[in-house]
Amino acid sequence: MKQIIRKAVTLLLIYYAYMVEYRAELILWVLAGSLPIILMGVWIQAAQGGQFGLSPVDFARYFITVFIVRQLTVVWVIWEFEREIVQGKLSPKLLQPLDPVWHHVASHISERFARLNFAFLLVGLFFVLYPQAFWIPSWDRFLLFILAAGLAFTLRFLIQYTFAMFAFWTERASALENLIEEIESMGRSDKNALRSHLRVLLMHLLKYKFQPQNRSNSWLYTIYEHRQRLQEAFVDSPSLKYYYTEVFDSCYQHARKEASIETGLPLSIFPKDYPFSVDETLDSDFFPN
């Protein structure tokens, strides 16, 4: 056991020295993952002028946490493994009495320690500039966060390493990772579109119910159009029907606030519990009275 620990420590120190040698490049990679900080500024400004259910401080804490998670869970093993095979650098490692995967594990863990120095410097600078967002989580939440981040990193590493095996048969195994990201992006787009259609539909159903004197053909057309778009989305992707039921409540809460703003009626006029069911919302013959 002592020999295994000594080998592991040696391997980590070697790769840590290698990562520090390229610290300038490492800083650029840290900055490349700073998109959540940019989005944080956008949402903080939006929260100051709108009703989102979250304060600017909540948005700041959320996005700085996303930034930290991205720094902890970044994985690149599929590109490194592919490069080693294409350039013939894997063969010497196969002759060693150590599975090549441990080289990649050591390089990722060592890179994490080298990366976090710069990442925490950015986080510290952020809290200096925005001190009201500073908070200290409880120990149990902190440990759960470390566990969740560790599991997320492990899962991403295993998925990428599994796909990296295709590099033995194709020169573009990394294209599989890009394909997965593209599919995930399409899934997110479909979900975003579903939420948008549902919120518009719910808002007009609320307006139809609580402003009967203003009912018009335009409202009827909008209700029909967004019901039709939702039904078409379910045909193209049946799994969205389950997502529809999951987000119905949150979309309704947003819709009642939007209906209040658009109609000028008090928010209390629109009930917190939706006055029509999930199925009635999609029913083309249903119009609330």
C-alpha atoms as a PDB file:
ATOM      1  CA  MET A   1       0.000   0.000   0.000  1.00  0.00           C
ATOM      2  CA  LYS A   2       2.817   2.414   0.867  1.00  0.00           C
ATOM      3  CA  GLN A   3       4.425   1.715  -2.491  1.00  0.00           C
ATOM      4  CA  ILE A   4       1.166   2.455  -4.319  1.00  0.00           C
ATOM      5  CA  ILE A   5       0.737   5.726  -2.409  1.00  0.00           C
ATOM      6  CA  ARG A   6       4.323   6.725  -3.128  1.00  0.00           C
ATOM      7  CA  LYS A   7       3.851   6.056  -6.853  1.00  0.00           C
ATOM      8  CA  ALA A   8       0.588   7.999  -6.906  1.00  0.00           C
ATOM      9  CA  VAL A   9       2.162  11.009  -5.149  1.00  0.00           C
ATOM     10  CA  THR A  10       5.133  10.932  -7.536  1.00  0.00           C
ATOM     11  CA  LEU A  11       2.846  10.798 -10.561  1.00  0.00           C
ATOM     12  CA  LEU A  12       0.766  13.713  -9.243  1.00  0.00           C
ATOM     13  CA  LEU A  13       3.857  15.822  -8.522  1.00  0.00           C
ATOM     14  CA  ILE A  14       5.260  15.172 -12.009  1.00  0.00           C
ATOM     15  CA  TYR A  15       2.050  16.247 -13.721  1.00  0.00           C
ATOM     16  CA  TYR A  16       1.628  19.199 -11.344  1.00  0.00           C
ATOM     17  CA  ALA A  17       5.083  20.461 -12.334  1.00  0.00           C
ATOM     18  CA  TYR A  18       4.110  19.963 -15.977  1.00  0.00           C
ATOM     19  CA  MET A  19       0.904  21.959 -15.514  1.00  0.00           C
ATOM     20  CA  VAL A  20       2.662  24.785 -13.681  1.00  0.00           C
ATOM     21  CA  GLU A  21       5.188  24.959 -16.518  1.00  0.00           C
ATOM     22  CA  TYR A  22       2.307  25.955 -18.795  1.00  0.00           C
ATOM     23  CA  ARG A  23       0.643  28.262 -16.243  1.00  0.00           C
ATOM     24  CA  ALA A  24       0.160  31.058 -18.787  1.00  0.00           C
ATOM     25  CA  GLU A  25      -1.932  28.719 -20.920  1.00  0.00           C
ATOM     26  CA  LEU A  26      -3.703  27.555 -17.753  1.00  0.00           C
ATOM     27  CA  ILE A  27      -4.718  31.135 -16.933  1.00  0.00           C
ATOM     28  CA  LEU A  28      -6.268  31.440 -20.382  1.00  0.00           C
ATOM     29  CA  TRP A  29      -8.232  28.221 -19.810  1.00  0.00           C
ATOM     30  CA  VAL A  30      -9.509  29.581 -16.487  1.00  0.00           C
ATOM     31  CA  LEU A  31     -10.587  32.811 -18.165  1.00  0.00           C
ATOM     32  CA  ALA A  32     -12.208  30.809 -20.965  1.00  0.00           C
ATOM     33  CA  GLY A  33     -14.541  29.302 -18.364  1.00  0.00           C
ATOM     34  CA  SER A  34     -15.599  32.700 -17.018  1.00  0.00           C
ATOM     35  CA  LEU A  35     -18.799  32.916 -19.086  1.00  0.00           C
ATOM     36  CA  PRO A  36     -20.963  32.438 -15.940  1.00  0.00           C
ATOM     37  CA  ILE A  37     -19.396  35.606 -14.468  1.00  0.00           C
ATOM     38  CA  ILE A  38     -20.351  37.547 -17.616  1.00  0.00           C
ATOM     39  CA  LEU A  39     -23.898  36.155 -17.502  1.00  0.00           C
ATOM     40  CA  MET A  40     -24.036  37.023 -13.810  1.00  0.00           C
ATOM     41  CA  GLY A  41     -23.629  40.710 -14.611  1.00  0.00           C
ATOM     42  CA  VAL A  42     -26.449  40.509 -17.152  1.00  0.00           C
ATOM     43  CA  TRP A  43     -28.860  38.791 -14.772  1.00  0.00           C
ATOM     44  CA  ILE A  44     -27.997  41.066 -11.854  1.00  0.00           C
ATOM     45  CA  GLN A  45     -29.003  44.058 -13.962  1.00  0.00           C
ATOM     46  CA  ALA A  46     -32.160  42.246 -15.094  1.00  0.00           C
ATOM     47  CA  ALA A  47     -33.088  41.342 -11.502  1.00  0.00           C
ATOM     48  CA  GLN A  48     -32.833  44.962 -10.424  1.00  0.00           C
ATOM     49  CA  GLY A  49     -35.512  46.001 -12.886  1.00  0.00           C
ATOM     50  CA  GLY A  50     -37.771  42.958 -13.057  1.00  0.00           C
ATOM     51  CA  GLN A  51     -39.619  40.318 -11.051  1.00  0.00           C
ATOM     52  CA  PHE A  52     -37.685  37.058 -11.161  1.00  0.00           C
ATOM     53  CA  GLY A  53     -38.178  35.656  -7.677  1.00  0.00           C
ATOM     54  CA  LEU A  54     -34.431  35.979  -7.037  1.00  0.00           C
ATOM     55  CA  SER A  55     -32.523  38.996  -5.789  1.00  0.00           C
ATOM     56  CA  PRO A  56     -29.349  40.318  -7.464  1.00  0.00           C
ATOM     57  CA  VAL A  57     -27.349  38.756  -4.600  1.00  0.00           C
ATOM     58  CA  ASP A  58     -28.960  35.363  -5.278  1.00  0.00           C
ATOM     59  CA  PHE A  59     -28.021  35.590  -8.953  1.00  0.00           C
ATOM     60  CA  ALA A  60     -24.462  36.578  -8.027  1.00  0.00           C
ATOM     61  CA  ARG A  61     -24.076  33.592  -5.700  1.00  0.00           C
ATOM     62  CA  TYR A  62     -25.604  31.218  -8.251  1.00  0.00           C
ATOM     63  CA  PHE A  63     -23.324  32.221 -11.114  1.00  0.00           C
ATOM     64  CA  ILE A  64     -20.137  32.361  -9.021  1.00  0.00           C
ATOM     65  CA  THR A  65     -20.978  28.809  -7.884  1.00  0.00           C
ATOM     66  CA  VAL A  66     -21.466  27.749 -11.520  1.00  0.00           C
ATOM     67  CA  PHE A  67     -18.041  29.227 -12.300  1.00  0.00           C
ATOM     68  CA  ILE A  68     -16.424  27.189  -9.507  1.00  0.00           C
ATOM     69  CA  VAL A  69     -18.207  23.997 -10.604  1.00  0.00           C
ATOM     70  CA  ARG A  70     -17.004  24.480 -14.194  1.00  0.00           C
ATOM     71  CA  GLN A  71     -13.436  24.831 -12.938  1.00  0.00           C
ATOM     72  CA  LEU A  72     -13.723  21.637 -10.888  1.00  0.00           C
ATOM     73  CA  THR A  73     -15.385  19.443 -13.507  1.00  0.00           C
ATOM     74  CA  VAL A  74     -13.633  20.352 -16.765  1.00  0.00           C
ATOM     75  CA  VAL A  75     -12.396  17.246 -18.651  1.00  0.00           C
ATOM     76  CA  TRP A  76     -10.332  16.946 -21.848  1.00  0.00           C
ATOM     77  CA  VAL A  77      -9.212  13.287 -21.814  1.00  0.00           C
ATOM     78  CA  ILE A  78     -10.907  12.438 -25.134  1.00  0.00           C
ATOM     79  CA  TRP A  79      -8.811  15.007 -27.034  1.00  0.00           C
ATOM     80  CA  GLU A  80      -5.585  14.009 -25.256  1.00  0.00           C
ATOM     81  CA  PHE A  81      -6.151  10.277 -25.834  1.00  0.00           C
ATOM     82  CA  GLU A  82      -6.995  10.857 -29.487  1.00  0.00           C
ATOM     83  CA  ARG A  83      -3.826  12.919 -29.970  1.00  0.00           C
ATOM     84  CA  GLU A  84      -1.669  10.222 -28.372  1.00  0.00           C
ATOM     85  CA  ILE A  85      -3.041   7.557 -30.710  1.00  0.00           C
ATOM     86  CA  VAL A  86      -2.862   9.663 -33.874  1.00  0.00           C
ATOM     87  CA  GLN A  87       0.705  10.797 -33.111  1.00  0.00           C
ATOM     88  CA  GLY A  88       1.873   7.371 -31.910  1.00  0.00           C
ATOM     89  CA  LYS A  89       2.601   8.539 -28.342  1.00  0.00           C
ATOM     90  CA  LEU A  90       0.455   5.889 -26.674  1.00  0.00           C
ATOM     91  CA  SER A  91       2.737   2.947 -27.525  1.00  0.00           C
ATOM     92  CA  PRO A  92       5.473   3.765 -24.931  1.00  0.00           C
ATOM     93  CA  LYS A  93       2.831   4.020 -22.196  1.00  0.00           C
ATOM     94  CA  LEU A  94       1.455   0.606 -23.116  1.00  0.00           C
ATOM     95  CA  LEU A  95       4.889  -0.871 -22.360  1.00  0.00           C
ATOM     96  CA  GLN A  96       4.859   0.516 -18.823  1.00  0.00           C
ATOM     97  CA  PRO A  97       3.520  -1.540 -15.881  1.00  0.00           C
ATOM     98  CA  LEU A  98       0.836   1.103 -15.366  1.00  0.00           C
ATOM     99  CA  ASP A  99      -2.481   1.478 -17.159  1.00  0.00           C
ATOM    100  CA  PRO A 100      -2.416   4.653 -19.328  1.00  0.00           C
ATOM    101  CA  VAL A 101      -5.675   5.802 -17.756  1.00  0.00           C
ATOM    102  CA  TRP A 102      -3.807   6.650 -14.537  1.00  0.00           C
ATOM    103  CA  HIS A 103      -1.655   9.114 -16.439  1.00  0.00           C
ATOM    104  CA  HIS A 104      -4.796  10.930 -17.502  1.00  0.00           C
ATOM    105  CA  VAL A 105      -6.302  10.761 -14.005  1.00  0.00           C
ATOM    106  CA  ALA A 106      -3.105  12.183 -12.513  1.00  0.00           C
ATOM    107  CA  SER A 107      -2.895  14.956 -15.111  1.00  0.00           C
ATOM    108  CA  HIS A 108      -6.514  16.001 -14.483  1.00  0.00           C
ATOM    109  CA  ILE A 109      -6.174  16.013 -10.684  1.00  0.00           C
ATOM    110  CA  SER A 110      -2.837  17.862 -10.813  1.00  0.00           C
ATOM    111  CA  GLU A 111      -4.280  20.390 -13.251  1.00  0.00           C
ATOM    112  CA  ARG A 112      -7.114  20.980 -10.795  1.00  0.00           C
ATOM    113  CA  PHE A 113      -4.700  22.031  -8.045  1.00  0.00           C
ATOM    114  CA  ALA A 114      -2.782  24.284 -10.433  1.00  0.00           C
ATOM    115  CA  ARG A 115      -5.984  25.764 -11.898  1.00  0.00           C
ATOM    116  CA  LEU A 116      -7.732  26.481  -8.599  1.00  0.00           C
ATOM    117  CA  ASN A 117      -5.052  28.957  -7.540  1.00  0.00           C
ATOM    118  CA  PHE A 118      -6.050  31.256 -10.397  1.00  0.00           C
ATOM    119  CA  ALA A 119      -9.769  30.440 -10.079  1.00  0.00           C
ATOM    120  CA  PHE A 120      -9.864  31.312  -6.371  1.00  0.00           C
ATOM    121  CA  LEU A 121      -7.965  34.513  -7.115  1.00  0.00           C
ATOM    122  CA  LEU A 122     -10.807  35.530  -9.469  1.00  0.00           C
ATOM    123  CA  VAL A 123     -13.410  34.494  -6.883  1.00  0.00           C
ATOM    124  CA  GLY A 124     -11.618  36.518  -4.195  1.00  0.00           C
ATOM    125  CA  LEU A 125     -11.469  39.540  -6.497  1.00  0.00           C
ATOM    126  CA  PHE A 126     -15.178  39.147  -7.192  1.00  0.00           C
ATOM    127  CA  PHE A 127     -16.073  39.200  -3.484  1.00  0.00           C
ATOM    128  CA  VAL A 128     -13.880  42.271  -2.964  1.00  0.00           C
ATOM    129  CA  LEU A 129     -15.801  44.076  -5.713  1.00  0.00           C
ATOM    130  CA  TYR A 130     -19.197  42.670  -4.647  1.00  0.00           C
ATOM    131  CA  PRO A 131     -18.915  42.023  -0.871  1.00  0.00           C
ATOM    132  CA  GLN A 132     -22.674  41.711  -0.270  1.00  0.00           C
ATOM    133  CA  ALA A 133     -22.631  38.401  -2.159  1.00  0.00           C
ATOM    134  CA  PHE A 134     -20.097  36.842   0.215  1.00  0.00           C
ATOM    135  CA  TRP A 135     -21.355  33.948   2.310  1.00  0.00           C
ATOM    136  CA  ILE A 136     -19.924  30.989   4.186  1.00  0.00           C
ATOM    137  CA  PRO A 137     -21.810  27.715   3.621  1.00  0.00           C
ATOM    138  CA  SER A 138     -22.340  25.279   6.462  1.00  0.00           C
ATOM    139  CA  TRP A 139     -19.978  22.312   6.703  1.00  0.00           C
ATOM    140  CA  ASP A 140     -22.609  19.776   5.665  1.00  0.00           C
ATOM    141  CA  ARG A 141     -23.510  21.781   2.542  1.00  0.00           C
ATOM    142  CA  PHE A 142     -19.838  22.305   1.733  1.00  0.00           C
ATOM    143  CA  LEU A 143     -19.120  18.568   1.992  1.00  0.00           C
ATOM    144  CA  LEU A 144     -22.166  17.762  -0.154  1.00  0.00           C
ATOM    145  CA  PHE A 145     -20.934  20.279  -2.733  1.00  0.00           C
ATOM    146  CA  ILE A 146     -17.467  18.670  -2.839  1.00  0.00           C
ATOM    147  CA  LEU A 147     -19.049  15.218  -3.156  1.00  0.00           C
ATOM    148  CA  ALA A 148     -21.386  16.331  -5.952  1.00  0.00           C
ATOM    149  CA  ALA A 149     -18.568  18.087  -7.824  1.00  0.00           C
ATOM    150  CA  GLY A 150     -16.337  15.021  -7.443  1.00  0.00           C
ATOM    151  CA  LEU A 151     -19.051  12.719  -8.768  1.00  0.00           C
ATOM    152  CA  ALA A 152     -19.751  15.088 -11.687  1.00  0.00           C
ATOM    153  CA  PHE A 153     -16.050  15.140 -12.603  1.00  0.00           C
ATOM    154  CA  THR A 154     -15.811  11.339 -12.322  1.00  0.00           C
ATOM    155  CA  LEU A 155     -18.874  10.833 -14.505  1.00  0.00           C
ATOM    156  CA  ARG A 156     -17.632  13.237 -17.189  1.00  0.00           C
ATOM    157  CA  PHE A 157     -14.182  11.637 -17.138  1.00  0.00           C
ATOM    158  CA  LEU A 158     -15.579   8.116 -17.518  1.00  0.00           C
ATOM    159  CA  ILE A 159     -17.904   9.147 -20.351  1.00  0.00           C
ATOM    160  CA  GLN A 160     -15.107  10.894 -22.250  1.00  0.00           C
ATOM    161  CA  TYR A 161     -12.625   8.069 -21.673  1.00  0.00           C
ATOM    162  CA  THR A 162     -15.166   5.546 -22.927  1.00  0.00           C
ATOM    163  CA  PHE A 163     -15.724   7.542 -26.116  1.00  0.00           C
ATOM    164  CA  ALA A 164     -11.948   8.016 -26.412  1.00  0.00           C
ATOM    165  CA  MET A 165     -11.664   4.270 -27.089  1.00  0.00           C
ATOM    166  CA  PHE A 166     -13.178   4.937 -30.514  1.00  0.00           C
ATOM    167  CA  ALA A 167      -9.884   6.637 -31.407  1.00  0.00           C
ATOM    168  CA  PHE A 168      -8.557   3.132 -32.162  1.00  0.00           C
ATOM    169  CA  TRP A 169     -10.999   2.954 -35.090  1.00  0.00           C
ATOM    170  CA  THR A 170     -11.416   6.591 -36.118  1.00  0.00           C
ATOM    171  CA  GLU A 171      -9.199   9.645 -36.184  1.00  0.00           C
ATOM    172  CA  ARG A 172     -11.999  11.890 -34.912  1.00  0.00           C
ATOM    173  CA  ALA A 173     -13.200  10.320 -31.680  1.00  0.00           C
ATOM    174  CA  SER A 174     -13.520  13.829 -30.263  1.00  0.00           C
ATOM    175  CA  ALA A 175     -16.270  14.430 -32.826  1.00  0.00           C
ATOM    176  CA  LEU A 176     -18.478  12.157 -30.692  1.00  0.00           C
ATOM    177  CA  GLU A 177     -18.089  14.575 -27.791  1.00  0.00           C
ATOM    178  CA  ASN A 178     -19.032  17.453 -30.080  1.00  0.00           C
ATOM    179  CA  LEU A 179     -22.030  15.462 -31.305  1.00  0.00           C
ATOM    180  CA  ILE A 180     -23.195  14.862 -27.718  1.00  0.00           C
ATOM    181  CA  GLU A 181     -22.841  18.568 -26.939  1.00  0.00           C
ATOM    182  CA  GLU A 182     -24.840  19.410 -30.064  1.00  0.00           C
ATOM    183  CA  ILE A 183     -27.614  16.990 -29.066  1.00  0.00           C
ATOM    184  CA  GLU A 184     -27.658  18.437 -25.533  1.00  0.00           C
ATOM    185  CA  SER A 185     -27.821  21.929 -27.006  1.00  0.00           C
ATOM    186  CA  MET A 186     -30.781  20.930 -29.175  1.00  0.00           C
ATOM    187  CA  GLY A 187     -32.497  19.438 -26.122  1.00  0.00           C
ATOM    188  CA  ARG A 188     -31.996  22.667 -24.176  1.00  0.00           C
ATOM    189  CA  SER A 189     -33.355  24.690 -27.103  1.00  0.00           C
ATOM    190  CA  ASP A 190     -36.467  22.506 -27.273  1.00  0.00           C
ATOM    191  CA  LYS A 191     -37.038  22.886 -23.540  1.00  0.00           C
ATOM    192  CA  ASN A 192     -36.556  26.641 -23.677  1.00  0.00           C
ATOM    193  CA  ALA A 193     -39.047  26.865 -26.551  1.00  0.00           C
ATOM    194  CA  LEU A 194     -41.555  24.717 -24.633  1.00  0.00           C
ATOM    195  CA  ARG A 195     -41.350  26.957 -21.564  1.00  0.00           C
ATOM    196  CA  SER A 196     -41.769  30.037 -23.721  1.00  0.00           C
ATOM    197  CA  HIS A 197     -44.880  28.663 -25.501  1.00  0.00           C
ATOM    198  CA  LEU A 198     -46.377  27.469 -22.220  1.00  0.00           C
ATOM    199  CA  ARG A 199     -45.892  30.810 -20.477  1.00  0.00           C
ATOM    200  CA  VAL A 200     -47.505  32.716 -23.346  1.00  0.00           C
ATOM    201  CA  LEU A 201     -50.398  30.237 -23.433  1.00  0.00           C
ATOM    202  CA  LEU A 202     -50.985  30.392 -19.686  1.00  0.00           C
ATOM    203  CA  MET A 203     -50.796  34.177 -19.640  1.00  0.00           C
ATOM    204  CA  HIS A 204     -53.458  34.471 -22.352  1.00  0.00           C
ATOM    205  CA  LEU A 205     -55.690  31.913 -20.634  1.00  0.00           C
ATOM    206  CA  LEU A 206     -55.470  34.001 -17.475  1.00  0.00           C
ATOM    207  CA  LYS A 207     -56.249  37.180 -19.405  1.00  0.00           C
ATOM    208  CA  TYR A 208     -59.152  35.394 -21.105  1.00  0.00           C
ATOM    209  CA  LYS A 209     -60.569  34.353 -17.724  1.00  0.00           C
ATOM    210  CA  PHE A 210     -60.063  37.536 -15.704  1.00  0.00           C
ATOM    211  CA  GLN A 211     -60.603  40.166 -18.420  1.00  0.00           C
ATOM    212  CA  PRO A 212     -63.698  38.858 -20.239  1.00  0.00           C
ATOM    213  CA  GLN A 213     -64.577  42.352 -21.461  1.00  0.00           C
ATOM    214  CA  ASN A 214     -61.361  42.476 -23.496  1.00  0.00           C
ATOM    215  CA  ARG A 215     -61.637  39.095 -25.204  1.00  0.00           C
ATOM    216  CA  SER A 216     -60.749  39.237 -28.876  1.00  0.00           C
ATOM    217  CA  ASN A 217     -59.998  37.062 -31.885  1.00  0.00           C
ATOM    218  CA  SER A 218     -56.332  37.949 -31.404  1.00  0.00           C
ATOM    219  CA  TRP A 219     -56.347  36.279 -27.993  1.00  0.00           C
ATOM    220  CA  LEU A 220     -58.109  33.223 -29.392  1.00  0.00           C
ATOM    221  CA  TYR A 221     -55.557  32.952 -32.180  1.00  0.00           C
ATOM    222  CA  THR A 222     -52.638  33.239 -29.732  1.00  0.00           C
ATOM    223  CA  ILE A 223     -54.128  30.513 -27.521  1.00  0.00           C
ATOM    224  CA  TYR A 224     -54.686  28.251 -30.539  1.00  0.00           C
ATOM    225  CA  GLU A 225     -51.216  28.933 -31.971  1.00  0.00           C
ATOM    226  CA  HIS A 226     -49.272  28.101 -28.822  1.00  0.00           C
ATOM    227  CA  ARG A 227     -51.385  25.031 -28.068  1.00  0.00           C
ATOM    228  CA  GLN A 228     -50.604  23.829 -31.580  1.00  0.00           C
ATOM    229  CA  ARG A 229     -46.877  24.495 -31.157  1.00  0.00           C
ATOM    230  CA  LEU A 230     -46.812  22.545 -27.907  1.00  0.00           C
ATOM    231  CA  GLN A 231     -48.646  19.606 -29.473  1.00  0.00           C
ATOM    232  CA  GLU A 232     -46.214  19.609 -32.415  1.00  0.00           C
ATOM    233  CA  ALA A 233     -43.288  19.640 -29.977  1.00  0.00           C
ATOM    234  CA  PHE A 234     -44.709  16.562 -28.214  1.00  0.00           C
ATOM    235  CA  VAL A 235     -45.033  14.745 -31.544  1.00  0.00           C
ATOM    236  CA  ASP A 236     -41.429  15.540 -32.501  1.00  0.00           C
ATOM    237  CA  SER A 237     -40.095  14.701 -29.029  1.00  0.00           C
ATOM    238  CA  PRO A 238     -42.484  12.676 -26.815  1.00  0.00           C
ATOM    239  CA  SER A 239     -40.155  13.033 -23.806  1.00  0.00           C
ATOM    240  CA  LEU A 240     -41.043  16.726 -23.681  1.00  0.00           C
ATOM    241  CA  LYS A 241     -44.512  15.750 -22.423  1.00  0.00           C
ATOM    242  CA  TYR A 242     -42.942  14.729 -19.108  1.00  0.00           C
ATOM    243  CA  TYR A 243     -40.918  17.937 -19.024  1.00  0.00           C
ATOM    244  CA  TYR A 244     -44.146  19.867 -19.675  1.00  0.00           C
ATOM    245  CA  THR A 245     -45.718  18.527 -16.484  1.00  0.00           C
ATOM    246  CA  GLU A 246     -42.521  19.215 -14.514  1.00  0.00           C
ATOM    247  CA  VAL A 247     -42.300  22.889 -15.427  1.00  0.00           C
ATOM    248  CA  PHE A 248     -46.033  23.635 -15.548  1.00  0.00           C
ATOM    249  CA  ASP A 249     -46.177  25.077 -12.047  1.00  0.00           C
ATOM    250  CA  SER A 250     -43.120  27.333 -12.416  1.00  0.00           C
ATOM    251  CA  CYS A 251     -44.328  28.543 -15.822  1.00  0.00           C
ATOM    252  CA  TYR A 252     -47.737  29.317 -14.356  1.00  0.00           C
ATOM    253  CA  GLN A 253     -46.187  31.416 -11.566  1.00  0.00           C
ATOM    254  CA  HIS A 254     -44.269  33.419 -14.170  1.00  0.00           C
ATOM    255  CA  ALA A 255     -47.373  33.695 -16.355  1.00  0.00           C
ATOM    256  CA  ARG A 256     -49.529  35.151 -13.558  1.00  0.00           C
ATOM    257  CA  LYS A 257     -46.907  37.843 -12.912  1.00  0.00           C
ATOM    258  CA  GLU A 258     -46.701  38.618 -16.616  1.00  0.00           C
ATOM    259  CA  ALA A 259     -50.493  38.722 -16.862  1.00  0.00           C
ATOM    260  CA  SER A 260     -50.606  41.142 -13.929  1.00  0.00           C
ATOM    261  CA  ILE A 261     -48.061  43.430 -15.596  1.00  0.00           C
ATOM    262  CA  GLU A 262     -49.759  43.339 -19.015  1.00  0.00           C
ATOM    263  CA  THR A 263     -53.317  43.814 -17.765  1.00  0.00           C
ATOM    264  CA  GLY A 264     -52.546  46.252 -14.960  1.00  0.00           C
ATOM    265  CA  LEU A 265     -54.576  44.093 -12.559  1.00  0.00           C
ATOM    266  CA  PRO A 266     -53.229  43.342  -9.052  1.00  0.00           C
ATOM    267  CA  LEU A 267     -51.237  40.133  -8.808  1.00  0.00           C
ATOM    268  CA  SER A 268     -53.645  38.891  -6.127  1.00  0.00           C
ATOM    269  CA  ILE A 269     -56.406  38.699  -8.752  1.00  0.00           C
ATOM    270  CA  PHE A 270     -54.625  35.758 -10.348  1.00  0.00           C
ATOM    271  CA  PRO A 271     -54.683  32.710  -8.003  1.00  0.00           C
ATOM    272  CA  LYS A 272     -51.422  31.059  -6.955  1.00  0.00           C
ATOM    273  CA  ASP A 273     -53.007  27.659  -7.645  1.00  0.00           C
ATOM    274  CA  TYR A 274     -53.740  27.430 -11.360  1.00  0.00           C
ATOM    275  CA  PRO A 275     -57.485  27.555 -12.102  1.00  0.00           C
ATOM    276  CA  PHE A 276     -57.227  25.041 -14.962  1.00  0.00           C
ATOM    277  CA  SER A 277     -55.556  21.665 -15.122  1.00  0.00           C
ATOM    278  CA  VAL A 278     -52.487  20.559 -17.027  1.00  0.00           C
ATOM    279  CA  ASP A 279     -54.667  18.696 -19.544  1.00  0.00           C
ATOM    280  CA  GLU A 280     -57.208  21.509 -19.918  1.00  0.00           C
ATOM    281  CA  THR A 281     -54.419  23.879 -20.875  1.00  0.00           C
ATOM    282  CA  LEU A 282     -53.742  21.808 -24.002  1.00  0.00           C
ATOM    283  CA  ASP A 283     -57.408  21.057 -24.761  1.00  0.00           C
ATOM    284  CA  SER A 284     -58.337  22.932 -27.950  1.00  0.00           C
ATOM    285  CA  ASP A 285     -61.991  23.108 -26.851  1.00  0.00           C
ATOM    286  CA  PHE A 286     -61.267  24.494 -23.390  1.00  0.00           C
ATOM    287  CA  PHE A 287     -61.589  28.207 -22.648  1.00  0.00           C
ATOM    288  CA  PRO A 288     -61.863  29.344 -19.005  1.00  0.00           C
ATOM    289  CA  ASN A 289     -64.939  31.309 -17.990  1.00  0.00           C
END
